[in-house]
Amino acid sequence: MLPYMDRSFYTNDKCTGCGTCTRICPVKNIKLVNEQPEWLHKCEFCLACFHWCPQEAIQSSELENTIQYHHPDVKVSDMLTPDL
């Protein structure tokens, strides 16, 4: 069931199509389609896309009361995977 947890993910109107979510996902579960993220259902539910979205645009019905957080000493550049 875990790989399908991303079925609850969506973006709100704050999404700019920056692609941070696609680059931060450790299992390459997100691709951009028309500058919007699309989840590919091989999610590990690490929530990196949710926590590192610079616009706080990624939402989920599973995360309604969850705030975005990451360690203050870790930068997004430390987490990003290189573009292939």
Protein backbone atom coordinates (compact mmCIF):
# COMPACT_ATOMS: atom_id res chain seq x y z
CA MET A 1 0.00 0.00 0.00
CA LEU A 2 2.88 2.37 0.72
CA PRO A 3 3.78 3.04 -2.94
CA TYR A 4 0.26 4.34 -3.52
CA MET A 5 0.31 6.84 -0.65
CA ASP A 6 1.07 9.51 -3.23
CA ARG A 7 -2.47 9.24 -4.59
CA SER A 8 -3.45 11.78 -1.95
CA PHE A 9 -0.82 14.33 -3.11
CA TYR A 10 -1.75 17.36 -5.15
CA THR A 11 -0.56 20.93 -5.63
CA ASN A 12 -2.39 24.14 -4.90
CA ASP A 13 -2.23 27.32 -6.97
CA LYS A 14 1.11 28.30 -5.38
CA CYS A 15 2.97 25.73 -7.52
CA THR A 16 5.37 27.45 -9.94
CA GLY A 17 6.62 24.30 -11.65
CA CYS A 18 10.14 24.84 -10.31
CA GLY A 19 10.89 21.09 -10.24
CA THR A 20 12.37 20.96 -6.74
CA CYS A 21 10.02 18.07 -5.93
CA THR A 22 11.28 16.04 -8.90
CA ARG A 23 14.89 16.57 -7.92
CA ILE A 24 14.49 15.94 -4.20
CA CYS A 25 12.54 12.68 -4.47
CA PRO A 26 15.01 9.87 -3.65
CA VAL A 27 13.08 7.28 -5.69
CA LYS A 28 12.37 9.52 -8.72
CA ASN A 29 8.63 9.22 -8.13
CA ILE A 30 7.70 12.65 -9.49
CA LYS A 31 7.79 14.06 -13.00
CA LEU A 32 6.64 17.43 -14.26
CA VAL A 33 3.76 17.41 -16.73
CA ASN A 34 2.76 20.84 -18.03
CA GLU A 35 4.91 22.35 -15.25
CA GLN A 36 2.95 20.50 -12.54
CA PRO A 37 4.16 17.51 -10.52
CA GLU A 38 2.72 14.10 -11.30
CA TRP A 39 3.34 11.25 -8.85
CA LEU A 40 4.20 7.85 -10.34
CA HIS A 41 3.01 5.57 -7.51
CA LYS A 42 6.32 4.23 -6.27
CA CYS A 43 6.31 6.54 -3.26
CA GLU A 44 8.26 5.72 -0.08
CA PHE A 45 6.29 8.42 1.80
CA CYS A 46 9.49 10.16 2.92
CA LEU A 47 7.68 13.49 2.41
CA ALA A 48 10.76 15.21 1.00
CA CYS A 49 8.61 16.77 -1.75
CA PHE A 50 6.17 18.10 0.84
CA HIS A 51 8.78 19.43 3.28
CA TRP A 52 11.15 20.97 0.70
CA CYS A 53 8.68 22.61 -1.70
CA PRO A 54 9.80 26.26 -1.72
CA GLN A 55 6.24 27.45 -2.35
CA GLU A 56 4.58 25.08 0.16
CA ALA A 57 2.39 24.04 -2.76
CA ILE A 58 2.33 20.27 -2.23
CA GLN A 59 -0.69 19.14 -0.27
CA SER A 60 -2.18 15.82 0.80
CA SER A 61 -5.36 14.75 2.52
CA GLU A 62 -3.07 12.56 4.67
CA LEU A 63 -1.11 15.63 5.85
CA GLU A 64 -3.88 18.11 6.66
CA ASN A 65 -2.46 19.07 10.07
CA THR A 66 1.22 18.69 9.19
CA ILE A 67 3.48 21.71 8.91
CA GLN A 68 6.45 21.89 6.57
CA TYR A 69 9.72 21.25 8.43
CA HIS A 70 13.36 20.51 7.74
CA HIS A 71 16.47 20.75 9.88
CA PRO A 72 17.68 24.38 9.95
CA ASP A 73 21.27 23.36 9.20
CA VAL A 74 20.35 21.45 6.04
CA LYS A 75 19.98 23.36 2.78
CA VAL A 76 17.87 22.22 -0.14
CA SER A 77 21.07 22.06 -2.24
CA ASP A 78 22.34 19.40 0.18
CA MET A 79 19.29 17.27 -0.59
CA LEU A 80 18.82 17.65 -4.35
CA THR A 81 19.76 14.89 -6.75
CA PRO A 82 21.50 15.97 -9.93
CA ASP A 83 19.41 16.43 -13.08
CA LEU A 84 19.86 13.52 -15.42
